[in-house]
Amino acid sequence: MNRILSLTALSLALAGAGFTTQSAEAASRRVVKTDGQGNASVVSAAAVKGPNGGSAVRAGKTSVAADGSAQHESGIRARSAKGSLQSSGTSSRDAAGNVTQVRSSTITSAATGDTMKASSAYSKDTGVTRNASCYNASGASIACPTRP
């Protein structure tokens, strides 16, 4: 599931940065390690450059232990003429299946210099929590855009 979310985040970031699959250059790498005792880890990275100077890089690591616990961390940076995105997060599952997740993102408009700093978290005890703060180019607090 985390892999799907990371790929979705990457796809959305690239689409928002003006990339198209027909004209972008991309490279990726994936390394899988196992120890023969039920423990495994995957490290992956990808980079893409769009035709108009936009670029994005993503890296992630997922580890699964023999007891069923798992850890995942990933981050992405994207930049284009429209602005920039930086996002990173972690998620974990303990051996009993309890999941916690945290993600922080910063998005900046190249046109205005306005920045949104957003975070989200999940745990079974608190559910999903989200926070967002927005600032103009001078650093003064402004109202965040509303969702359509």
Protein backbone atom coordinates (compact mmCIF):
# COMPACT_ATOMS: atom_id res chain seq x y z
CA MET A 1 0.00 0.00 0.00
CA ASN A 2 2.80 2.47 0.84
CA ARG A 3 4.41 1.73 -2.50
CA ILE A 4 1.13 2.61 -4.22
CA LEU A 5 0.84 5.85 -2.23
CA SER A 6 4.43 6.79 -3.04
CA LEU A 7 3.92 6.12 -6.74
CA THR A 8 0.68 8.10 -6.66
CA ALA A 9 2.45 11.02 -4.97
CA LEU A 10 5.22 10.87 -7.54
CA SER A 11 2.75 10.76 -10.43
CA LEU A 12 0.78 13.71 -9.07
CA ALA A 13 3.92 15.73 -8.47
CA LEU A 14 5.20 15.06 -11.96
CA ALA A 15 1.85 15.89 -13.55
CA GLY A 16 1.69 19.11 -11.54
CA ALA A 17 5.20 19.99 -12.62
CA GLY A 18 4.20 19.78 -16.28
CA PHE A 19 5.83 16.49 -17.17
CA THR A 20 4.52 14.18 -19.85
CA THR A 21 5.56 10.59 -20.30
CA GLN A 22 6.15 11.04 -24.03
CA SER A 23 8.83 13.70 -23.64
CA ALA A 24 10.43 13.16 -20.23
CA GLU A 25 13.77 11.53 -19.54
CA ALA A 26 13.74 9.16 -16.60
CA ALA A 27 16.03 6.86 -14.68
CA SER A 28 15.32 4.55 -11.78
CA ARG A 29 17.03 2.01 -9.58
CA ARG A 30 15.68 -0.64 -7.23
CA VAL A 31 17.68 -2.90 -4.92
CA VAL A 32 16.12 -5.78 -2.95
CA LYS A 33 17.96 -7.50 -0.09
CA THR A 34 16.87 -10.56 1.89
CA ASP A 35 18.66 -12.47 4.62
CA GLY A 36 17.02 -15.89 4.22
CA GLN A 37 15.38 -15.58 7.65
CA GLY A 38 12.25 -13.71 6.55
CA ASN A 39 13.69 -10.21 6.70
CA ALA A 40 13.81 -8.08 3.55
CA SER A 41 14.42 -4.52 2.45
CA VAL A 42 13.91 -2.61 -0.76
CA VAL A 43 15.63 0.64 -1.63
CA SER A 44 14.46 2.53 -4.69
CA ALA A 45 15.17 5.84 -6.37
CA ALA A 46 13.96 7.57 -9.49
CA ALA A 47 14.70 10.79 -11.30
CA VAL A 48 12.96 12.46 -14.20
CA LYS A 49 13.62 15.57 -16.24
CA GLY A 50 10.90 17.21 -18.29
CA PRO A 51 11.25 18.95 -21.64
CA ASN A 52 10.81 22.44 -20.17
CA GLY A 53 13.46 22.19 -17.46
CA GLY A 54 11.31 20.65 -14.73
CA SER A 55 12.79 17.85 -12.68
CA ALA A 56 11.90 15.47 -9.89
CA VAL A 57 13.69 12.93 -7.74
CA ARG A 58 12.24 10.35 -5.38
CA ALA A 59 13.86 7.89 -2.99
CA GLY A 60 12.39 5.35 -0.63
CA LYS A 61 13.24 2.42 1.59
CA THR A 62 10.96 -0.31 2.89
CA SER A 63 12.00 -2.98 5.38
CA VAL A 64 9.91 -5.97 6.45
CA ALA A 65 10.89 -8.18 9.38
CA ALA A 66 10.12 -11.85 9.85
CA ASP A 67 7.64 -10.99 12.64
CA GLY A 68 5.50 -9.01 10.16
CA SER A 69 6.58 -5.57 11.29
CA ALA A 70 7.54 -3.08 8.58
CA GLN A 71 9.10 0.34 8.17
CA HIS A 72 8.87 2.67 5.17
CA GLU A 73 10.38 6.07 4.50
CA SER A 74 10.35 8.10 1.32
CA GLY A 75 10.84 11.56 -0.02
CA ILE A 76 10.34 13.49 -3.23
CA ARG A 77 11.52 16.81 -4.62
CA ALA A 78 10.09 18.32 -7.79
CA ARG A 79 10.73 21.66 -9.45
CA SER A 80 9.39 23.35 -12.57
CA ALA A 81 8.59 26.82 -13.85
CA LYS A 82 5.35 26.63 -11.85
CA GLY A 83 7.01 26.01 -8.50
CA SER A 84 8.48 23.37 -6.26
CA LEU A 85 7.41 20.50 -4.04
CA GLN A 86 9.31 18.77 -1.26
CA SER A 87 7.68 15.96 0.69
CA SER A 88 8.90 13.24 3.02
CA GLY A 89 7.27 10.72 5.25
CA THR A 90 7.49 7.55 7.25
CA SER A 91 5.13 4.74 8.07
CA SER A 92 5.47 1.71 10.28
CA ARG A 93 3.55 -1.41 11.19
CA ASP A 94 4.33 -3.33 14.34
CA ALA A 95 4.13 -7.12 14.66
CA ALA A 96 0.52 -6.84 15.89
CA GLY A 97 -0.49 -4.93 12.75
CA ASN A 98 -0.79 -1.43 14.26
CA VAL A 99 0.03 1.22 11.69
CA THR A 100 1.34 4.77 12.13
CA GLN A 101 2.13 7.25 9.36
CA VAL A 102 3.55 10.78 9.17
CA ARG A 103 4.12 12.99 6.12
CA SER A 104 5.32 16.60 5.74
CA SER A 105 5.19 18.61 2.53
CA THR A 106 6.21 22.07 1.40
CA ILE A 107 4.85 23.51 -1.85
CA THR A 108 6.00 26.87 -3.24
CA SER A 109 4.54 28.82 -6.16
CA ALA A 110 7.14 30.23 -8.53
CA ALA A 111 4.69 32.93 -9.66
CA THR A 112 3.88 34.38 -6.22
CA GLY A 113 6.43 32.91 -3.85
CA ASP A 114 3.56 31.75 -1.64
CA THR A 115 4.32 28.59 0.33
CA MET A 116 2.13 25.94 1.91
CA LYS A 117 3.53 23.73 4.64
CA ALA A 118 1.32 20.73 5.27
CA SER A 119 1.56 17.69 7.49
CA SER A 120 -0.57 14.64 8.08
CA ALA A 121 -0.40 11.79 10.54
CA TYR A 122 -2.28 8.58 11.28
CA SER A 123 -2.42 6.24 14.22
CA LYS A 124 -5.17 3.94 15.45
CA ASP A 125 -5.48 6.02 18.63
CA THR A 126 -5.89 9.45 17.00
CA GLY A 127 -7.04 8.60 13.48
CA VAL A 128 -6.02 10.97 10.69
CA THR A 129 -4.85 14.48 11.56
CA ARG A 130 -3.96 17.16 9.02
CA ASN A 131 -2.45 20.61 9.41
CA ALA A 132 -1.58 23.27 6.86
CA SER A 133 -0.05 26.72 7.15
CA CYS A 134 0.49 29.17 4.32
CA TYR A 135 2.90 32.08 3.95
CA ASN A 136 3.50 34.78 1.38
CA ALA A 137 6.91 35.47 -0.16
CA SER A 138 7.80 37.74 2.77
CA GLY A 139 7.04 34.99 5.28
CA ALA A 140 3.83 36.53 6.62
CA SER A 141 1.01 34.11 7.42
CA ILE A 142 -1.81 34.06 4.83
CA ALA A 143 -5.01 32.07 4.36
CA CYS A 144 -4.49 28.71 2.70
CA PRO A 145 -6.43 27.95 -0.49
CA THR A 146 -9.58 25.94 -0.02
CA ARG A 147 -10.24 22.65 -1.77
CA PRO A 148 -12.62 22.82 -4.73
